[in-house]
């Protein structure tokens, strides 16, 4: 990182691989100065960075990296600062996601990635603003889909299936499907329980009719 002679201007080289860089908060600057002041503490800045990253699972870090990159690209397109982001820019971004009818999980992935990057960078976090929190709650209600419960299968349904694909001249795969459905219905079994049935579990019985 280099500082040019112009007062208050920070020259930042393009470095796509370092998503968290530069971290220009006072605390990170103090850590950097502390590490550079004594050779004994060389590398402690990177160590602290890795320790903080380890507070999240590797898969979570990767997911947040992907979603924050999308937010960063959106900010670049509309010429707003991604980090620290303003409450207004995050609000507009979330509103756009709702208008796109993204799933609730995708919405939360965007939100928590922005929140995590600001927490990590130790800067003012727009995701803690009341407006953003109310928007997230409202967006979850808008994007939530009602659960449509399926009607249970009946004996009449099974009879129609057997009549259609389980005749005496039916192919073996169709007969197998009919047998699985009938056994599952009669025994109230899950598919995993039916699939794990073996020959040793089957007993042949002779039925006698009076």
N, C-alpha and C. Protein backbone atom coordinates (compact mmCIF):
# COMPACT_ATOMS: atom_id res chain seq x y z
N UNK A 1 0.85 -1.18 0.00
CA UNK A 1 0.00 0.00 0.00
C UNK A 1 0.89 1.24 0.00
N UNK A 2 0.57 2.17 -0.91
CA UNK A 2 1.36 3.39 -1.02
C UNK A 2 0.46 4.60 -0.86
N UNK A 3 1.00 5.62 -0.24
CA UNK A 3 0.26 6.88 -0.10
C UNK A 3 0.93 7.92 -0.97
N UNK A 4 0.16 8.52 -1.88
CA UNK A 4 0.76 9.52 -2.76
C UNK A 4 0.91 10.84 -2.01
N UNK A 5 1.53 11.81 -2.66
CA UNK A 5 1.81 13.09 -2.00
C UNK A 5 0.57 13.96 -1.86
N UNK A 6 -0.47 13.64 -2.61
CA UNK A 6 -1.70 14.42 -2.48
C UNK A 6 -2.31 14.15 -1.10
N UNK A 7 -2.70 15.19 -0.43
CA UNK A 7 -3.17 15.06 0.95
C UNK A 7 -4.49 14.29 1.00
N UNK A 8 -4.50 13.22 1.84
CA UNK A 8 -5.74 12.47 2.05
C UNK A 8 -6.09 11.50 0.95
N UNK A 9 -5.18 11.23 0.02
CA UNK A 9 -5.47 10.31 -1.09
C UNK A 9 -4.74 9.00 -0.85
N UNK A 10 -5.46 7.92 -0.91
CA UNK A 10 -4.88 6.59 -0.71
C UNK A 10 -4.81 5.87 -2.05
N UNK A 11 -3.62 5.50 -2.48
CA UNK A 11 -3.43 4.79 -3.74
C UNK A 11 -3.49 3.30 -3.47
N UNK A 12 -4.46 2.63 -4.07
CA UNK A 12 -4.68 1.20 -3.82
C UNK A 12 -4.47 0.43 -5.11
N UNK A 13 -3.47 -0.45 -5.18
CA UNK A 13 -3.27 -1.26 -6.38
C UNK A 13 -4.38 -2.29 -6.53
N UNK A 14 -4.65 -2.70 -7.77
CA UNK A 14 -5.70 -3.69 -8.04
C UNK A 14 -5.22 -5.06 -7.58
N UNK A 15 -5.94 -5.67 -6.65
CA UNK A 15 -5.53 -6.96 -6.10
C UNK A 15 -6.80 -7.76 -5.83
N UNK A 16 -7.27 -8.51 -6.84
CA UNK A 16 -8.55 -9.19 -6.76
C UNK A 16 -8.56 -10.31 -5.74
N UNK A 17 -7.42 -10.94 -5.53
CA UNK A 17 -7.39 -12.12 -4.66
C UNK A 17 -7.56 -11.77 -3.19
N UNK A 18 -7.28 -10.54 -2.81
CA UNK A 18 -7.37 -10.14 -1.40
C UNK A 18 -8.66 -9.36 -1.19
N UNK A 19 -9.75 -10.08 -0.88
CA UNK A 19 -11.05 -9.44 -0.79
C UNK A 19 -11.16 -8.50 0.40
N UNK A 20 -10.40 -8.78 1.46
CA UNK A 20 -10.51 -7.96 2.66
C UNK A 20 -9.56 -6.78 2.65
N UNK A 21 -8.72 -6.66 1.66
CA UNK A 21 -7.66 -5.67 1.66
C UNK A 21 -8.10 -4.46 0.85
N UNK A 22 -7.84 -3.20 1.23
CA UNK A 22 -7.13 -2.86 2.45
C UNK A 22 -8.10 -2.69 3.63
N UNK A 23 -7.68 -3.01 4.81
CA UNK A 23 -8.48 -2.77 6.00
C UNK A 23 -7.95 -1.52 6.67
N UNK A 24 -8.63 -0.44 6.44
CA UNK A 24 -8.10 0.87 6.81
C UNK A 24 -8.71 1.39 8.10
N UNK A 25 -9.22 0.50 8.96
CA UNK A 25 -9.76 0.97 10.23
C UNK A 25 -8.60 1.26 11.18
N UNK A 26 -8.88 2.03 12.22
CA UNK A 26 -7.84 2.42 13.17
C UNK A 26 -7.21 1.21 13.85
N UNK A 27 -8.02 0.22 14.19
CA UNK A 27 -7.50 -0.97 14.89
C UNK A 27 -6.55 -1.75 14.01
N UNK A 28 -6.94 -1.98 12.75
CA UNK A 28 -6.06 -2.73 11.85
C UNK A 28 -4.77 -1.95 11.57
N UNK A 29 -4.86 -0.62 11.51
CA UNK A 29 -3.65 0.18 11.30
C UNK A 29 -2.72 0.06 12.51
N UNK A 30 -3.31 0.06 13.71
CA UNK A 30 -2.49 -0.09 14.92
C UNK A 30 -1.82 -1.46 14.96
N UNK A 31 -2.55 -2.49 14.55
CA UNK A 31 -1.97 -3.84 14.51
C UNK A 31 -0.81 -3.88 13.53
N UNK A 32 -1.01 -3.26 12.37
CA UNK A 32 0.05 -3.23 11.36
C UNK A 32 1.28 -2.47 11.87
N UNK A 33 1.06 -1.34 12.52
CA UNK A 33 2.18 -0.55 13.06
C UNK A 33 2.89 -1.31 14.17
N UNK A 34 2.13 -2.01 14.99
CA UNK A 34 2.71 -2.80 16.08
C UNK A 34 3.58 -3.92 15.51
N UNK A 35 3.08 -4.56 14.45
CA UNK A 35 3.83 -5.67 13.85
C UNK A 35 5.12 -5.17 13.20
N UNK A 36 5.06 -3.97 12.62
CA UNK A 36 6.23 -3.44 11.93
C UNK A 36 7.23 -2.80 12.89
N UNK A 37 6.80 -2.51 14.12
CA UNK A 37 7.68 -1.82 15.06
C UNK A 37 8.70 -2.76 15.71
N UNK A 38 8.42 -4.04 15.71
CA UNK A 38 9.31 -5.00 16.36
C UNK A 38 9.40 -6.26 15.50
N UNK A 39 10.64 -6.66 15.22
CA UNK A 39 10.84 -7.83 14.36
C UNK A 39 10.27 -9.10 14.99
N UNK A 40 10.15 -9.09 16.30
CA UNK A 40 9.63 -10.26 17.00
C UNK A 40 8.16 -10.54 16.63
N UNK A 41 7.45 -9.51 16.23
CA UNK A 41 6.03 -9.66 15.92
C UNK A 41 5.76 -9.71 14.42
N UNK A 42 6.79 -9.96 13.64
CA UNK A 42 6.62 -10.08 12.20
C UNK A 42 5.65 -11.22 11.88
N UNK A 43 4.67 -10.92 11.09
CA UNK A 43 3.69 -11.95 10.70
C UNK A 43 2.48 -12.04 11.60
N UNK A 44 2.47 -11.27 12.71
CA UNK A 44 1.32 -11.37 13.62
C UNK A 44 0.06 -10.80 12.99
N UNK A 45 0.22 -9.84 12.08
CA UNK A 45 -0.94 -9.25 11.41
C UNK A 45 -1.68 -10.31 10.59
N UNK A 46 -0.89 -11.09 9.84
CA UNK A 46 -1.48 -12.17 9.05
C UNK A 46 -2.08 -13.24 9.94
N UNK A 47 -1.41 -13.50 11.06
CA UNK A 47 -1.91 -14.50 12.01
C UNK A 47 -3.26 -14.09 12.58
N UNK A 48 -3.40 -12.82 12.95
CA UNK A 48 -4.66 -12.31 13.48
C UNK A 48 -5.75 -12.39 12.41
N UNK A 49 -5.37 -12.05 11.20
CA UNK A 49 -6.30 -12.14 10.06
C UNK A 49 -6.85 -13.55 9.93
N UNK A 50 -5.95 -14.55 9.95
CA UNK A 50 -6.36 -15.95 9.79
C UNK A 50 -7.20 -16.44 10.97
N UNK A 51 -6.86 -15.98 12.17
CA UNK A 51 -7.63 -16.38 13.36
C UNK A 51 -9.06 -15.87 13.27
N UNK A 52 -9.21 -14.62 12.85
CA UNK A 52 -10.55 -14.04 12.72
C UNK A 52 -11.34 -14.76 11.63
N UNK A 53 -10.67 -15.06 10.51
CA UNK A 53 -11.33 -15.80 9.42
C UNK A 53 -11.80 -17.16 9.91
N UNK A 54 -11.06 -17.75 10.82
CA UNK A 54 -11.39 -19.09 11.32
C UNK A 54 -12.62 -19.09 12.23
N UNK A 55 -13.11 -17.90 12.57
CA UNK A 55 -14.34 -17.85 13.38
C UNK A 55 -15.55 -18.31 12.57
N UNK A 56 -15.38 -18.37 11.26
CA UNK A 56 -16.42 -18.89 10.37
C UNK A 56 -15.91 -20.16 9.70
N UNK A 57 -16.81 -21.04 9.35
CA UNK A 57 -16.43 -22.26 8.63
C UNK A 57 -15.87 -21.90 7.26
N UNK A 58 -15.03 -22.78 6.73
CA UNK A 58 -14.42 -22.53 5.42
C UNK A 58 -15.50 -22.33 4.36
N UNK A 59 -16.53 -23.17 4.40
CA UNK A 59 -17.62 -23.06 3.42
C UNK A 59 -18.36 -21.73 3.56
N UNK A 60 -18.51 -21.27 4.80
CA UNK A 60 -19.19 -19.99 5.03
C UNK A 60 -18.35 -18.83 4.51
N UNK A 61 -17.04 -18.88 4.75
CA UNK A 61 -16.15 -17.84 4.22
C UNK A 61 -16.21 -17.78 2.71
N UNK A 62 -16.21 -18.95 2.07
CA UNK A 62 -16.27 -19.00 0.60
C UNK A 62 -17.58 -18.41 0.10
N UNK A 63 -18.68 -18.75 0.78
CA UNK A 63 -19.99 -18.23 0.37
C UNK A 63 -20.04 -16.72 0.54
N UNK A 64 -19.54 -16.22 1.66
CA UNK A 64 -19.54 -14.78 1.89
C UNK A 64 -18.66 -14.06 0.88
N UNK A 65 -17.53 -14.67 0.51
CA UNK A 65 -16.65 -14.07 -0.49
C UNK A 65 -17.39 -13.90 -1.82
N UNK A 66 -18.13 -14.93 -2.21
CA UNK A 66 -18.86 -14.91 -3.49
C UNK A 66 -19.93 -13.83 -3.48
N UNK A 67 -20.71 -13.79 -2.41
CA UNK A 67 -21.84 -12.84 -2.37
C UNK A 67 -21.38 -11.40 -2.15
N UNK A 68 -20.32 -11.21 -1.39
CA UNK A 68 -19.84 -9.84 -1.23
C UNK A 68 -19.21 -9.33 -2.52
N UNK A 69 -18.63 -10.23 -3.30
CA UNK A 69 -18.08 -9.83 -4.60
C UNK A 69 -19.19 -9.30 -5.50
N UNK A 70 -20.37 -9.94 -5.43
CA UNK A 70 -21.52 -9.47 -6.22
C UNK A 70 -21.94 -8.08 -5.76
N UNK A 71 -21.97 -7.88 -4.45
CA UNK A 71 -22.32 -6.56 -3.92
C UNK A 71 -21.29 -5.52 -4.32
N UNK A 72 -20.02 -5.92 -4.29
CA UNK A 72 -18.93 -5.01 -4.66
C UNK A 72 -19.04 -4.61 -6.13
N UNK A 73 -19.36 -5.58 -6.99
CA UNK A 73 -19.51 -5.28 -8.42
C UNK A 73 -20.70 -4.35 -8.66
N UNK A 74 -21.77 -4.56 -7.88
CA UNK A 74 -22.94 -3.68 -8.00
C UNK A 74 -22.56 -2.26 -7.59
N UNK A 75 -21.79 -2.13 -6.52
CA UNK A 75 -21.34 -0.81 -6.05
C UNK A 75 -20.47 -0.11 -7.09
N UNK A 76 -19.60 -0.88 -7.72
CA UNK A 76 -18.73 -0.30 -8.76
C UNK A 76 -19.56 0.19 -9.93
N UNK A 77 -20.58 -0.60 -10.30
CA UNK A 77 -21.45 -0.23 -11.42
C UNK A 77 -22.15 1.10 -11.17
N UNK A 78 -22.62 1.29 -9.93
CA UNK A 78 -23.39 2.49 -9.60
C UNK A 78 -22.56 3.53 -8.84
N UNK A 79 -21.25 3.30 -8.82
CA UNK A 79 -20.29 4.28 -8.30
C UNK A 79 -20.58 4.66 -6.84
N UNK A 80 -20.75 3.63 -6.02
CA UNK A 80 -20.89 3.85 -4.58
C UNK A 80 -19.82 3.02 -3.87
N UNK A 81 -19.51 3.39 -2.64
CA UNK A 81 -18.44 2.73 -1.90
C UNK A 81 -18.96 1.43 -1.27
N UNK A 82 -18.30 0.30 -1.53
CA UNK A 82 -18.76 -0.97 -0.96
C UNK A 82 -18.35 -1.19 0.49
N UNK A 83 -17.23 -0.56 0.89
CA UNK A 83 -16.72 -0.81 2.24
C UNK A 83 -15.96 0.40 2.76
N UNK A 84 -16.46 1.13 3.73
CA UNK A 84 -17.76 0.91 4.37
C UNK A 84 -18.91 1.41 3.50
N UNK A 85 -19.94 0.60 3.39
CA UNK A 85 -21.10 0.95 2.58
C UNK A 85 -22.04 1.83 3.40
N UNK A 86 -22.81 2.63 2.71
CA UNK A 86 -23.80 3.47 3.39
C UNK A 86 -25.09 2.69 3.58
N UNK A 87 -25.88 3.13 4.53
CA UNK A 87 -27.17 2.48 4.78
C UNK A 87 -28.06 2.57 3.55
N UNK A 88 -28.03 3.72 2.88
CA UNK A 88 -28.88 3.92 1.71
C UNK A 88 -28.52 2.97 0.57
N UNK A 89 -27.22 2.76 0.33
CA UNK A 89 -26.82 1.87 -0.76
C UNK A 89 -27.20 0.42 -0.46
N UNK A 90 -27.04 -0.01 0.79
CA UNK A 90 -27.44 -1.37 1.17
C UNK A 90 -28.95 -1.53 1.06
N UNK A 91 -29.70 -0.50 1.44
CA UNK A 91 -31.16 -0.54 1.36
C UNK A 91 -31.61 -0.69 -0.10
N UNK A 92 -31.01 0.07 -0.99
CA UNK A 92 -31.35 -0.02 -2.41
C UNK A 92 -30.98 -1.39 -2.96
N UNK A 93 -29.84 -1.92 -2.54
CA UNK A 93 -29.38 -3.23 -3.00
C UNK A 93 -30.36 -4.33 -2.56
N UNK A 94 -30.78 -4.29 -1.31
CA UNK A 94 -31.73 -5.29 -0.79
C UNK A 94 -33.07 -5.17 -1.50
N UNK A 95 -33.50 -3.94 -1.74
CA UNK A 95 -34.75 -3.71 -2.46
C UNK A 95 -34.69 -4.33 -3.86
N UNK A 96 -33.54 -4.21 -4.51
CA UNK A 96 -33.38 -4.81 -5.83
C UNK A 96 -33.46 -6.33 -5.79
N UNK A 97 -32.90 -6.93 -4.75
CA UNK A 97 -32.97 -8.39 -4.61
C UNK A 97 -34.41 -8.86 -4.43
N UNK A 98 -35.18 -8.10 -3.65
CA UNK A 98 -36.59 -8.46 -3.44
C UNK A 98 -37.36 -8.34 -4.74
N UNK A 99 -37.08 -7.31 -5.53
CA UNK A 99 -37.76 -7.12 -6.81
C UNK A 99 -37.41 -8.24 -7.79
N UNK A 100 -36.23 -8.82 -7.63
CA UNK A 100 -35.83 -9.95 -8.47
C UNK A 100 -36.44 -11.27 -8.00
N UNK A 101 -37.13 -11.24 -6.88
CA UNK A 101 -37.78 -12.43 -6.30
C UNK A 101 -36.78 -13.55 -6.03
N UNK A 102 -35.64 -13.18 -5.46
CA UNK A 102 -34.66 -14.20 -5.08
C UNK A 102 -35.22 -15.00 -3.90
N UNK A 103 -34.64 -16.14 -3.65
CA UNK A 103 -35.09 -16.94 -2.51
C UNK A 103 -34.65 -16.29 -1.20
N UNK A 104 -35.30 -16.68 -0.13
CA UNK A 104 -34.95 -16.13 1.18
C UNK A 104 -33.51 -16.46 1.56
N UNK A 105 -33.05 -17.66 1.20
CA UNK A 105 -31.67 -18.05 1.53
C UNK A 105 -30.65 -17.20 0.79
N UNK A 106 -30.95 -16.86 -0.46
CA UNK A 106 -30.04 -16.01 -1.25
C UNK A 106 -30.02 -14.60 -0.66
N UNK A 107 -31.19 -14.08 -0.30
CA UNK A 107 -31.26 -12.75 0.32
C UNK A 107 -30.41 -12.69 1.58
N UNK A 108 -30.56 -13.70 2.45
CA UNK A 108 -29.80 -13.71 3.71
C UNK A 108 -28.31 -13.89 3.46
N UNK A 109 -27.96 -14.63 2.42
CA UNK A 109 -26.54 -14.81 2.09
C UNK A 109 -25.92 -13.47 1.70
N UNK A 110 -26.64 -12.66 0.93
CA UNK A 110 -26.16 -11.32 0.57
C UNK A 110 -26.03 -10.46 1.83
N UNK A 111 -27.06 -10.48 2.65
CA UNK A 111 -27.08 -9.63 3.85
C UNK A 111 -25.93 -9.98 4.80
N UNK A 112 -25.78 -11.26 5.10
CA UNK A 112 -24.76 -11.67 6.07
C UNK A 112 -23.35 -11.52 5.51
N UNK A 113 -23.20 -11.60 4.20
CA UNK A 113 -21.86 -11.38 3.63
C UNK A 113 -21.45 -9.92 3.79
N UNK A 114 -22.38 -9.01 3.56
CA UNK A 114 -22.09 -7.58 3.75
C UNK A 114 -21.81 -7.29 5.22
N UNK A 115 -22.62 -7.87 6.08
CA UNK A 115 -22.44 -7.68 7.53
C UNK A 115 -21.09 -8.21 7.99
N UNK A 116 -20.72 -9.40 7.51
CA UNK A 116 -19.46 -10.03 7.93
C UNK A 116 -18.26 -9.22 7.47
N UNK A 117 -18.27 -8.72 6.25
CA UNK A 117 -17.14 -7.94 5.75
C UNK A 117 -16.95 -6.65 6.55
N UNK A 118 -18.06 -6.03 6.93
CA UNK A 118 -17.95 -4.81 7.73
C UNK A 118 -17.49 -5.11 9.15
N UNK A 119 -17.99 -6.21 9.72
CA UNK A 119 -17.52 -6.61 11.05
C UNK A 119 -16.03 -6.90 11.03
N UNK A 120 -15.60 -7.62 10.01
CA UNK A 120 -14.19 -8.00 9.89
C UNK A 120 -13.30 -6.78 9.73
N UNK A 121 -13.79 -5.83 8.94
CA UNK A 121 -12.98 -4.63 8.67
C UNK A 121 -13.03 -3.62 9.80
N UNK A 122 -13.87 -3.88 10.82
CA UNK A 122 -13.96 -3.01 12.00
C UNK A 122 -14.36 -1.59 11.62
N UNK A 123 -15.34 -1.50 10.71
CA UNK A 123 -15.86 -0.20 10.29
C UNK A 123 -17.35 -0.15 10.64
N UNK A 124 -17.94 1.03 10.52
CA UNK A 124 -19.36 1.20 10.82
C UNK A 124 -20.19 0.27 9.95
N UNK A 125 -21.04 -0.54 10.59
CA UNK A 125 -21.76 -1.59 9.87
C UNK A 125 -23.19 -1.14 9.54
N UNK A 126 -23.49 -0.94 8.24
CA UNK A 126 -24.84 -0.50 7.86
C UNK A 126 -25.90 -1.56 8.13
N UNK A 127 -25.48 -2.83 8.23
CA UNK A 127 -26.44 -3.92 8.45
C UNK A 127 -27.03 -3.91 9.85
N UNK A 128 -26.44 -3.13 10.75
CA UNK A 128 -26.98 -3.02 12.10
C UNK A 128 -27.96 -1.86 12.24
N UNK A 129 -28.16 -1.14 11.14
CA UNK A 129 -29.10 -0.03 11.15
C UNK A 129 -30.54 -0.56 11.24
N UNK A 130 -31.39 0.17 11.93
CA UNK A 130 -32.79 -0.25 12.12
C UNK A 130 -33.51 -0.41 10.79
N UNK A 131 -33.24 0.49 9.84
CA UNK A 131 -33.90 0.42 8.54
C UNK A 131 -33.58 -0.90 7.84
N UNK A 132 -32.30 -1.26 7.81
CA UNK A 132 -31.88 -2.50 7.13
C UNK A 132 -32.47 -3.72 7.83
N UNK A 133 -32.48 -3.71 9.14
CA UNK A 133 -33.03 -4.85 9.88
C UNK A 133 -34.53 -5.00 9.63
N UNK A 134 -35.26 -3.88 9.56
CA UNK A 134 -36.69 -3.95 9.25
C UNK A 134 -36.92 -4.41 7.82
N UNK A 135 -36.05 -3.99 6.90
CA UNK A 135 -36.17 -4.42 5.51
C UNK A 135 -35.95 -5.92 5.38
N UNK A 136 -35.00 -6.45 6.12
CA UNK A 136 -34.73 -7.89 6.06
C UNK A 136 -35.94 -8.68 6.56
N UNK A 137 -36.53 -8.23 7.66
CA UNK A 137 -37.71 -8.92 8.20
C UNK A 137 -38.87 -8.85 7.21
N UNK A 138 -39.06 -7.67 6.61
CA UNK A 138 -40.12 -7.53 5.61
C UNK A 138 -39.86 -8.36 4.37
N UNK A 139 -38.60 -8.39 3.93
CA UNK A 139 -38.24 -9.16 2.73
C UNK A 139 -38.46 -10.65 2.94
N UNK A 140 -38.17 -11.12 4.14
CA UNK A 140 -38.37 -12.55 4.43
C UNK A 140 -39.85 -12.91 4.35
N UNK A 141 -40.71 -12.00 4.78
CA UNK A 141 -42.15 -12.26 4.69
C UNK A 141 -42.62 -12.24 3.24
N UNK A 142 -42.09 -11.30 2.47
CA UNK A 142 -42.49 -11.19 1.06
C UNK A 142 -42.03 -12.39 0.25
N UNK A 143 -40.80 -12.83 0.51
CA UNK A 143 -40.21 -13.90 -0.29
C UNK A 143 -40.57 -15.30 0.19
N UNK A 144 -41.11 -15.39 1.39
CA UNK A 144 -41.45 -16.72 1.91
C UNK A 144 -42.59 -17.31 1.09
N UNK A 145 -42.48 -18.58 0.78
CA UNK A 145 -43.48 -19.27 -0.02
C UNK A 145 -44.32 -20.17 0.88
N UNK A 146 -45.63 -20.15 0.70
CA UNK A 146 -46.49 -21.00 1.54
C UNK A 146 -46.21 -22.48 1.29
N UNK A 147 -46.25 -23.25 2.35
CA UNK A 147 -46.01 -24.69 2.23
C UNK A 147 -47.29 -25.37 1.75
N UNK A 148 -47.19 -26.02 0.60
CA UNK A 148 -48.34 -26.74 0.04
C UNK A 148 -48.23 -28.21 0.41
N UNK A 149 -49.08 -28.61 1.32
CA UNK A 149 -49.05 -30.00 1.75
C UNK A 149 -49.73 -30.89 0.71
N UNK A 150 -49.07 -31.99 0.39
CA UNK A 150 -49.63 -32.92 -0.58
C UNK A 150 -50.66 -33.83 0.09
N UNK A 151 -51.68 -34.16 -0.68
CA UNK A 151 -52.71 -35.04 -0.15
C UNK A 151 -52.18 -36.46 -0.05
N UNK A 152 -52.59 -37.19 0.98
CA UNK A 152 -52.11 -38.57 1.13
C UNK A 152 -52.67 -39.47 0.04
N UNK A 153 -51.88 -40.48 -0.33
CA UNK A 153 -52.33 -41.44 -1.33
C UNK A 153 -53.39 -42.34 -0.71
N UNK A 154 -54.34 -42.76 -1.51
CA UNK A 154 -55.43 -43.60 -1.02
C UNK A 154 -55.40 -44.95 -1.71
N UNK A 155 -56.22 -45.87 -1.21
CA UNK A 155 -56.31 -47.20 -1.82
C UNK A 155 -56.82 -47.11 -3.25
N UNK A 156 -57.70 -46.15 -3.53
CA UNK A 156 -58.21 -45.97 -4.90
C UNK A 156 -57.10 -45.58 -5.85
N UNK A 157 -56.18 -44.70 -5.39
CA UNK A 157 -55.04 -44.31 -6.21
C UNK A 157 -54.18 -45.53 -6.54
N UNK A 158 -53.92 -46.34 -5.54
CA UNK A 158 -53.09 -47.53 -5.75
C UNK A 158 -53.76 -48.50 -6.71
N UNK A 159 -55.07 -48.65 -6.59
CA UNK A 159 -55.79 -49.55 -7.48
C UNK A 159 -55.67 -49.10 -8.94
N UNK A 160 -55.78 -47.80 -9.16
CA UNK A 160 -55.66 -47.27 -10.52
C UNK A 160 -54.25 -47.48 -11.07
N UNK A 161 -53.23 -47.31 -10.22
CA UNK A 161 -51.84 -47.52 -10.66
C UNK A 161 -51.61 -48.98 -11.02
N UNK A 162 -52.09 -49.88 -10.17
CA UNK A 162 -51.91 -51.31 -10.43
C UNK A 162 -52.66 -51.72 -11.70
N UNK A 163 -53.87 -51.20 -11.89
CA UNK A 163 -54.64 -51.54 -13.09
C UNK A 163 -53.95 -51.06 -14.36
N UNK A 164 -53.20 -49.95 -14.24
CA UNK A 164 -52.58 -49.37 -15.43
C UNK A 164 -51.23 -49.99 -15.76
N UNK A 165 -50.38 -50.21 -14.76
CA UNK A 165 -49.02 -50.69 -15.06
C UNK A 165 -48.67 -52.01 -14.39
N UNK A 166 -49.60 -52.59 -13.63
CA UNK A 166 -49.27 -53.81 -12.90
C UNK A 166 -50.04 -55.04 -13.34
N UNK A 167 -50.41 -55.08 -14.60
CA UNK A 167 -51.16 -56.23 -15.11
C UNK A 167 -50.25 -57.46 -15.21
N UNK A 168 -50.84 -58.60 -15.56
CA UNK A 168 -50.08 -59.85 -15.66
C UNK A 168 -48.99 -59.77 -16.72
N UNK A 169 -49.19 -58.96 -17.74
CA UNK A 169 -48.23 -58.85 -18.84
C UNK A 169 -47.32 -57.61 -18.68
N UNK A 170 -47.34 -57.02 -17.54
CA UNK A 170 -46.53 -55.81 -17.32
C UNK A 170 -45.05 -56.15 -17.24
N UNK A 171 -44.22 -55.16 -17.57
CA UNK A 171 -42.77 -55.33 -17.48
C UNK A 171 -42.36 -55.41 -16.01
N UNK A 172 -41.26 -56.11 -15.77
CA UNK A 172 -40.80 -56.33 -14.40
C UNK A 172 -40.57 -55.02 -13.63
N UNK A 173 -39.95 -53.97 -14.23
CA UNK A 173 -39.77 -52.72 -13.47
C UNK A 173 -41.09 -52.13 -12.98
N UNK A 174 -42.14 -52.22 -13.81
CA UNK A 174 -43.44 -51.69 -13.40
C UNK A 174 -44.05 -52.52 -12.26
N UNK A 175 -43.88 -53.85 -12.37
CA UNK A 175 -44.37 -54.72 -11.30
C UNK A 175 -43.65 -54.42 -9.99
N UNK A 176 -42.36 -54.15 -10.09
CA UNK A 176 -41.57 -53.84 -8.90
C UNK A 176 -42.06 -52.55 -8.25
N UNK A 177 -42.35 -51.53 -9.07
CA UNK A 177 -42.86 -50.27 -8.54
C UNK A 177 -44.19 -50.48 -7.82
N UNK A 178 -45.07 -51.26 -8.44
CA UNK A 178 -46.37 -51.54 -7.81
C UNK A 178 -46.19 -52.27 -6.49
N UNK A 179 -45.28 -53.24 -6.48
CA UNK A 179 -45.05 -54.01 -5.25
C UNK A 179 -44.51 -53.11 -4.14
N UNK A 180 -43.58 -52.22 -4.49
CA UNK A 180 -43.01 -51.31 -3.49
C UNK A 180 -44.08 -50.38 -2.92
N UNK A 181 -44.95 -49.88 -3.80
CA UNK A 181 -45.99 -48.96 -3.34
C UNK A 181 -46.99 -49.67 -2.43
N UNK A 182 -47.35 -50.90 -2.79
CA UNK A 182 -48.32 -51.64 -1.98
C UNK A 182 -47.75 -52.02 -0.62
N UNK A 183 -46.48 -52.47 -0.63
CA UNK A 183 -45.83 -52.83 0.64
C UNK A 183 -45.68 -51.60 1.53
N UNK A 184 -45.26 -50.49 0.93
CA UNK A 184 -45.09 -49.26 1.69
C UNK A 184 -46.40 -48.76 2.27
N UNK A 185 -47.46 -48.86 1.47
CA UNK A 185 -48.77 -48.41 1.94
C UNK A 185 -49.29 -49.30 3.07
N UNK A 186 -49.13 -50.63 2.89
CA UNK A 186 -49.64 -51.57 3.89
C UNK A 186 -48.86 -51.48 5.20
N UNK A 187 -47.55 -51.29 5.10
CA UNK A 187 -46.72 -51.25 6.30
C UNK A 187 -46.41 -49.87 6.81
N UNK A 188 -46.95 -48.82 6.12
CA UNK A 188 -46.68 -47.43 6.50
C UNK A 188 -45.17 -47.20 6.59
N UNK A 189 -44.47 -47.60 5.52
CA UNK A 189 -43.01 -47.56 5.51
C UNK A 189 -42.50 -46.37 4.73
N UNK A 190 -41.33 -45.86 5.12
CA UNK A 190 -40.63 -44.85 4.34
C UNK A 190 -39.94 -45.52 3.15
N UNK A 191 -39.56 -44.67 2.16
CA UNK A 191 -38.88 -45.23 1.00
C UNK A 191 -37.57 -45.90 1.40
N UNK A 192 -36.83 -45.27 2.33
CA UNK A 192 -35.54 -45.84 2.75
C UNK A 192 -35.73 -47.22 3.37
N UNK A 193 -36.84 -47.41 4.09
CA UNK A 193 -37.11 -48.71 4.70
C UNK A 193 -37.46 -49.75 3.65
N UNK A 194 -38.20 -49.34 2.63
CA UNK A 194 -38.55 -50.27 1.55
C UNK A 194 -37.32 -50.63 0.74
N UNK A 195 -36.48 -49.63 0.44
CA UNK A 195 -35.29 -49.86 -0.39
C UNK A 195 -34.30 -50.78 0.30
N UNK A 196 -34.32 -50.83 1.62
CA UNK A 196 -33.36 -51.67 2.36
C UNK A 196 -33.88 -53.08 2.66
N UNK A 197 -35.07 -53.40 2.15
CA UNK A 197 -35.61 -54.75 2.35
C UNK A 197 -34.76 -55.78 1.61
N UNK A 198 -34.54 -56.92 2.23
CA UNK A 198 -33.76 -58.00 1.63
C UNK A 198 -34.61 -59.27 1.63
N UNK A 199 -34.13 -60.28 0.91
CA UNK A 199 -34.87 -61.53 0.82
C UNK A 199 -35.08 -62.16 2.19
N UNK A 200 -34.11 -61.99 3.08
CA UNK A 200 -34.22 -62.58 4.42
C UNK A 200 -35.33 -61.94 5.24
N UNK A 201 -35.79 -60.75 4.79
CA UNK A 201 -36.87 -60.08 5.51
C UNK A 201 -38.26 -60.52 5.03
N UNK A 202 -38.27 -61.31 3.96
CA UNK A 202 -39.53 -61.72 3.35
C UNK A 202 -39.83 -63.17 3.70
N UNK A 203 -41.04 -63.41 4.13
CA UNK A 203 -41.48 -64.78 4.44
C UNK A 203 -42.65 -65.15 3.55
N UNK A 204 -42.59 -66.35 3.02
CA UNK A 204 -43.68 -66.84 2.18
C UNK A 204 -44.73 -67.51 3.05
N UNK A 205 -45.96 -67.09 2.91
CA UNK A 205 -47.06 -67.65 3.68
C UNK A 205 -48.09 -68.25 2.75
N UNK A 206 -48.63 -69.35 3.14
CA UNK A 206 -49.69 -69.99 2.37
C UNK A 206 -51.03 -69.55 2.92
N UNK A 207 -51.80 -68.91 2.08
CA UNK A 207 -53.10 -68.41 2.50
C UNK A 207 -54.17 -69.44 2.18
N UNK A 208 -55.02 -69.67 3.12
CA UNK A 208 -56.12 -70.62 2.93
C UNK A 208 -57.44 -69.88 3.06
N UNK A 209 -58.24 -70.02 2.05
CA UNK A 209 -59.54 -69.35 2.04
C UNK A 209 -60.64 -70.36 2.31
N UNK A 210 -61.54 -70.05 3.17
CA UNK A 210 -62.66 -70.95 3.49
C UNK A 210 -63.85 -70.65 2.60
